[in-house]
Amino acid sequence: MNATFDPAAHPSAASQPLPRALRWAAWLLATLACLLVFGLYTVPDFMVMLADQMWACF
């Protein structure tokens, strides 16, 4: 009796790769989110507000 797992025999158990368009959309969304966050660090008012909030924790 062979007890090995055969993913071809169970297609629902095999991991299906994401479609190419969905992967591109996910990478694009992640890149835009990173650019937005990094862009906020160039705004002096945001940096002062962030520093004030950090100091308020102590």
C-alpha atoms as a PDB file:
ATOM      1  CA  MET A   1       0.000   0.000   0.000  1.00  0.00           C
ATOM      2  CA  ASN A   2       1.453   3.340  -1.084  1.00  0.00           C
ATOM      3  CA  ALA A   3       0.835   6.089   1.503  1.00  0.00           C
ATOM      4  CA  THR A   4       2.402   8.981  -0.422  1.00  0.00           C
ATOM      5  CA  PHE A   5       0.331  12.062  -1.180  1.00  0.00           C
ATOM      6  CA  ASP A   6      -0.353  12.677  -4.854  1.00  0.00           C
ATOM      7  CA  PRO A   7      -1.521  16.274  -5.496  1.00  0.00           C
ATOM      8  CA  ALA A   8      -2.623  15.348  -9.010  1.00  0.00           C
ATOM      9  CA  ALA A   9      -5.148  12.981  -7.500  1.00  0.00           C
ATOM     10  CA  HIS A  10      -6.525  15.762  -5.275  1.00  0.00           C
ATOM     11  CA  PRO A  11      -6.625  18.987  -7.323  1.00  0.00           C
ATOM     12  CA  SER A  12      -8.433  20.925  -4.605  1.00  0.00           C
ATOM     13  CA  ALA A  13      -5.642  20.114  -2.130  1.00  0.00           C
ATOM     14  CA  ALA A  14      -2.895  21.310  -4.470  1.00  0.00           C
ATOM     15  CA  SER A  15      -2.004  24.983  -4.115  1.00  0.00           C
ATOM     16  CA  GLN A  16      -3.054  26.948  -7.157  1.00  0.00           C
ATOM     17  CA  PRO A  17      -0.743  29.840  -8.136  1.00  0.00           C
ATOM     18  CA  LEU A  18      -2.282  33.295  -8.266  1.00  0.00           C
ATOM     19  CA  PRO A  19      -3.063  34.656 -11.712  1.00  0.00           C
ATOM     20  CA  ARG A  20      -0.349  36.916 -13.131  1.00  0.00           C
ATOM     21  CA  ALA A  21      -2.625  39.997 -13.153  1.00  0.00           C
ATOM     22  CA  LEU A  22      -3.505  39.511  -9.483  1.00  0.00           C
ATOM     23  CA  ARG A  23       0.171  39.205  -8.536  1.00  0.00           C
ATOM     24  CA  TRP A  24       0.994  42.379 -10.464  1.00  0.00           C
ATOM     25  CA  ALA A  25      -1.892  44.212  -8.792  1.00  0.00           C
ATOM     26  CA  ALA A  26      -0.744  43.081  -5.338  1.00  0.00           C
ATOM     27  CA  TRP A  27       2.854  44.201  -6.005  1.00  0.00           C
ATOM     28  CA  LEU A  28       1.628  47.516  -7.397  1.00  0.00           C
ATOM     29  CA  LEU A  29      -0.576  48.132  -4.362  1.00  0.00           C
ATOM     30  CA  ALA A  30       2.256  47.272  -1.955  1.00  0.00           C
ATOM     31  CA  THR A  31       4.673  49.541  -3.832  1.00  0.00           C
ATOM     32  CA  LEU A  32       2.222  52.450  -3.828  1.00  0.00           C
ATOM     33  CA  ALA A  33       1.592  52.008  -0.096  1.00  0.00           C
ATOM     34  CA  CYS A  34       5.347  52.067   0.599  1.00  0.00           C
ATOM     35  CA  LEU A  35       5.819  55.178  -1.569  1.00  0.00           C
ATOM     36  CA  LEU A  36       2.978  56.919   0.271  1.00  0.00           C
ATOM     37  CA  VAL A  37       4.469  56.122   3.676  1.00  0.00           C
ATOM     38  CA  PHE A  38       7.994  57.116   2.647  1.00  0.00           C
ATOM     39  CA  GLY A  39       6.609  60.271   1.020  1.00  0.00           C
ATOM     40  CA  LEU A  40       5.059  61.337   4.321  1.00  0.00           C
ATOM     41  CA  TYR A  41       8.519  61.454   5.872  1.00  0.00           C
ATOM     42  CA  THR A  42       9.425  64.331   3.532  1.00  0.00           C
ATOM     43  CA  VAL A  43       6.636  66.499   5.002  1.00  0.00           C
ATOM     44  CA  PRO A  44       8.028  68.464   7.970  1.00  0.00           C
ATOM     45  CA  ASP A  45       4.621  68.956   9.633  1.00  0.00           C
ATOM     46  CA  PHE A  46       4.024  65.215   9.595  1.00  0.00           C
ATOM     47  CA  MET A  47       7.412  64.567  11.186  1.00  0.00           C
ATOM     48  CA  VAL A  48       6.710  67.085  13.980  1.00  0.00           C
ATOM     49  CA  MET A  49       3.276  65.564  14.594  1.00  0.00           C
ATOM     50  CA  LEU A  50       4.775  62.058  14.675  1.00  0.00           C
ATOM     51  CA  ALA A  51       7.487  63.165  17.124  1.00  0.00           C
ATOM     52  CA  ASP A  52       4.878  64.842  19.348  1.00  0.00           C
ATOM     53  CA  GLN A  53       2.773  61.671  19.400  1.00  0.00           C
ATOM     54  CA  MET A  54       5.804  59.553  20.264  1.00  0.00           C
ATOM     55  CA  TRP A  55       6.787  61.850  23.138  1.00  0.00           C
ATOM     56  CA  ALA A  56       3.196  61.818  24.406  1.00  0.00           C
ATOM     57  CA  CYS A  57       3.597  58.085  25.060  1.00  0.00           C
ATOM     58  CA  PHE A  58       6.232  58.725  27.759  1.00  0.00           C
END
